[in-house]
Amino acid sequence: MMRSNSESPRLDRKTVERNRRIHMKDLCFKLASLIPSHHFKHSKDMLSQQGQLDHAAAYIKHLKERIEKLKKKKEQAMGTSVANNSTMDAMMMGLRLPMIELRDLGSSIEVVLISGLKKNFMFYEVITIIEEEGAEVVSASFSTVGDKVFHTIHAQVKICRVGVETSRVCQRLQELIYWSCI
């Protein structure tokens, strides 16, 4: 049986429209999957497609506002840092390197170590001390500014009930710095 010419375009339009709807539904699902679950008040599965799109739009708006706040904060920090650059240089000259700072963040700790470019510091010894005291290093990075090297180490407590004695970690790191300077 042959179809008339008038039926063929109609079927094609129906197929095209069905494929378009399937494609849009897939795109909506992908968009909803990109939004962190803690931004949904209800389960993603419980929301209608329109509800998911509304949440996505609200989340994008939230991100834009956050970016603007962070840009303003950065501009303020850059403005004050440029003005205080010579003051900072003078202060840094007075500091004895290497220098260490430890921040207790509850279930994690952050260690910032500042050393000179010419000072060959045993970075692995710092990591060893942190791990011996009950924390697991999850990230370590460094950056060089002028003739100084800034090392940052983030560590997570291995056993939450036991924790990490930050004063002991700080004492051991200070001793390490003292003995490395002699």
Protein backbone atom coordinates (compact mmCIF):
# COMPACT_ATOMS: atom_id res chain seq x y z
CA MET A 1 0.00 0.00 0.00
CA MET A 2 1.37 3.38 -0.94
CA ARG A 3 1.01 6.46 1.14
CA SER A 4 -0.14 9.66 -0.31
CA ASN A 5 2.23 12.57 -0.35
CA SER A 6 0.16 14.40 2.25
CA GLU A 7 0.63 11.67 4.94
CA SER A 8 4.42 11.46 4.70
CA PRO A 9 5.23 14.99 5.89
CA ARG A 10 2.76 14.69 8.75
CA LEU A 11 4.40 11.53 10.02
CA ASP A 12 7.79 13.10 9.62
CA ARG A 13 6.67 16.13 11.63
CA LYS A 14 5.32 13.84 14.35
CA THR A 15 8.58 11.91 14.45
CA VAL A 16 10.63 15.10 14.50
CA GLU A 17 8.48 16.52 17.31
CA ARG A 18 8.68 13.29 19.34
CA ASN A 19 12.48 13.22 18.91
CA ARG A 20 12.66 16.88 19.94
CA ARG A 21 10.66 16.19 23.11
CA ILE A 22 12.86 13.18 23.95
CA HIS A 23 15.97 15.29 23.39
CA MET A 24 14.63 18.13 25.58
CA LYS A 25 13.71 15.68 28.33
CA ASP A 26 17.23 14.24 28.21
CA LEU A 27 18.75 17.74 28.39
CA CYS A 28 16.53 18.62 31.38
CA PHE A 29 17.64 15.44 33.14
CA LYS A 30 21.32 16.29 32.49
CA LEU A 31 20.80 19.83 33.79
CA ALA A 32 19.11 18.57 36.96
CA SER A 33 21.91 16.05 37.52
CA LEU A 34 24.47 18.89 37.57
CA ILE A 35 22.84 20.61 40.53
CA PRO A 36 24.17 19.43 43.93
CA SER A 37 21.54 17.46 45.82
CA HIS A 38 21.73 19.71 48.89
CA HIS A 39 20.20 22.54 46.82
CA PHE A 40 17.00 20.53 46.36
CA LYS A 41 14.44 20.68 49.15
CA HIS A 42 12.80 17.53 47.78
CA SER A 43 14.18 14.58 45.91
CA LYS A 44 15.05 15.33 42.27
CA ASP A 45 12.86 12.38 41.23
CA MET A 46 9.82 13.87 43.00
CA LEU A 47 9.99 17.19 41.11
CA SER A 48 8.29 17.76 37.81
CA GLN A 49 10.36 18.77 34.84
CA GLN A 50 9.23 22.38 35.35
CA GLY A 51 10.23 22.14 39.03
CA GLN A 52 13.68 20.87 38.06
CA LEU A 53 14.09 23.74 35.59
CA ASP A 54 13.01 26.24 38.25
CA HIS A 55 15.56 24.82 40.69
CA ALA A 56 18.26 24.93 38.01
CA ALA A 57 17.47 28.58 37.27
CA ALA A 58 17.54 29.42 41.01
CA TYR A 59 20.85 27.59 41.42
CA ILE A 60 22.40 29.43 38.46
CA LYS A 61 21.21 32.74 39.93
CA HIS A 62 22.73 31.74 43.29
CA LEU A 63 26.05 30.94 41.59
CA LYS A 64 26.06 34.28 39.74
CA GLU A 65 25.46 36.17 42.99
CA ARG A 66 28.23 34.20 44.68
CA ILE A 67 30.64 34.97 41.83
CA GLU A 68 29.84 38.67 42.11
CA LYS A 69 30.44 38.64 45.88
CA LEU A 70 33.74 36.81 45.42
CA LYS A 71 34.83 39.24 42.69
CA LYS A 72 34.10 42.19 44.98
CA LYS A 73 35.94 40.52 47.83
CA LYS A 74 38.92 39.84 45.55
CA GLU A 75 38.95 43.44 44.31
CA GLN A 76 38.90 44.72 47.87
CA ALA A 77 41.71 42.36 48.85
CA MET A 78 43.77 43.27 45.78
CA GLY A 79 43.26 46.98 46.46
CA THR A 80 44.49 46.67 50.03
CA SER A 81 47.30 44.30 49.14
CA VAL A 82 48.67 46.62 46.46
CA ALA A 83 48.54 49.54 48.89
CA ASN A 84 50.21 47.50 51.61
CA ASN A 85 52.73 45.73 49.37
CA SER A 86 55.71 47.69 50.60
CA THR A 87 54.54 47.23 54.19
CA MET A 88 54.22 43.48 53.63
CA ASP A 89 57.70 43.31 52.12
CA ALA A 90 59.12 45.11 55.14
CA MET A 91 57.27 42.77 57.50
CA MET A 92 58.42 39.68 55.59
CA MET A 93 62.03 40.84 55.79
CA GLY A 94 61.70 40.82 59.57
CA LEU A 95 60.33 37.27 59.61
CA ARG A 96 62.71 34.46 60.15
CA LEU A 97 62.24 31.74 57.56
CA PRO A 98 61.18 28.99 57.48
CA MET A 99 57.92 29.81 59.25
CA ILE A 100 54.97 27.56 59.99
CA GLU A 101 51.30 28.14 60.79
CA LEU A 102 48.81 25.46 61.76
CA ARG A 103 45.02 25.90 61.66
CA ASP A 104 42.72 23.47 63.46
CA LEU A 105 39.54 23.11 61.37
CA GLY A 106 37.78 20.50 63.51
CA SER A 107 38.05 17.23 61.64
CA SER A 108 40.86 18.58 59.48
CA ILE A 109 43.98 20.70 59.80
CA GLU A 110 45.75 23.10 57.48
CA VAL A 111 49.50 23.65 57.65
CA VAL A 112 51.10 26.62 55.90
CA LEU A 113 54.87 26.58 55.65
CA ILE A 114 56.81 29.54 54.31
CA SER A 115 60.42 29.00 53.35
CA GLY A 116 63.01 30.76 51.25
CA LEU A 117 63.90 29.71 47.73
CA LYS A 118 67.47 29.01 48.70
CA LYS A 119 66.54 27.02 51.82
CA ASN A 120 66.30 23.34 50.98
CA PHE A 121 63.47 22.29 53.29
CA MET A 122 62.55 18.64 53.91
CA PHE A 123 58.88 18.77 52.90
CA TYR A 124 58.39 15.04 53.36
CA GLU A 125 59.38 15.39 57.04
CA VAL A 126 56.47 17.78 57.61
CA ILE A 127 54.07 15.28 56.00
CA THR A 128 55.56 12.46 58.10
CA ILE A 129 54.96 14.38 61.34
CA ILE A 130 51.36 15.15 60.38
CA GLU A 131 50.65 11.51 59.56
CA GLU A 132 52.41 10.21 62.69
CA GLU A 133 50.11 12.41 64.78
CA GLY A 134 46.96 10.81 63.35
CA ALA A 135 46.03 12.81 60.27
CA GLU A 136 46.03 11.78 56.63
CA VAL A 137 47.30 14.28 54.07
CA VAL A 138 44.62 14.81 51.43
CA SER A 139 46.28 17.61 49.45
CA ALA A 140 49.53 19.52 49.32
CA SER A 141 50.45 22.46 47.13
CA PHE A 142 53.02 25.20 46.88
CA SER A 143 53.45 28.55 45.21
CA THR A 144 56.43 30.81 44.80
CA VAL A 145 56.18 34.54 45.43
CA GLY A 146 59.40 36.46 45.01
CA ASP A 147 62.08 34.61 46.93
CA LYS A 148 59.61 32.78 49.19
CA VAL A 149 57.91 29.42 48.79
CA PHE A 150 54.47 28.95 50.36
CA HIS A 151 53.55 25.30 51.05
CA THR A 152 49.97 24.45 52.03
CA ILE A 153 49.02 21.03 53.36
CA HIS A 154 45.45 19.91 54.10
CA ALA A 155 45.02 16.83 56.28
CA GLN A 156 41.97 14.94 57.50
CA VAL A 157 41.71 13.26 60.90
CA LYS A 158 42.03 9.48 60.45
CA ILE A 159 39.88 8.52 63.46
CA CYS A 160 37.28 11.15 64.39
CA ARG A 161 36.86 9.95 67.99
CA VAL A 162 40.58 10.24 68.68
CA GLY A 163 41.28 13.39 66.65
CA VAL A 164 44.63 15.11 66.26
CA GLU A 165 46.46 16.89 69.05
CA THR A 166 47.23 20.06 67.12
CA SER A 167 49.43 21.51 69.86
CA ARG A 168 51.67 18.42 69.63
CA VAL A 169 51.78 18.65 65.82
CA CYS A 170 52.67 22.34 66.08
CA GLN A 171 55.39 21.64 68.66
CA ARG A 172 56.95 18.89 66.53
CA LEU A 173 56.89 21.08 63.42
CA GLN A 174 58.48 23.99 65.32
CA GLU A 175 61.23 21.61 66.50
CA LEU A 176 61.75 20.44 62.91
CA ILE A 177 62.14 24.04 61.77
CA TYR A 178 64.48 24.84 64.65
CA TRP A 179 66.77 21.88 63.88
CA SER A 180 66.71 22.59 60.14
CA CYS A 181 67.94 26.15 60.78
CA ILE A 182 70.93 25.09 62.82
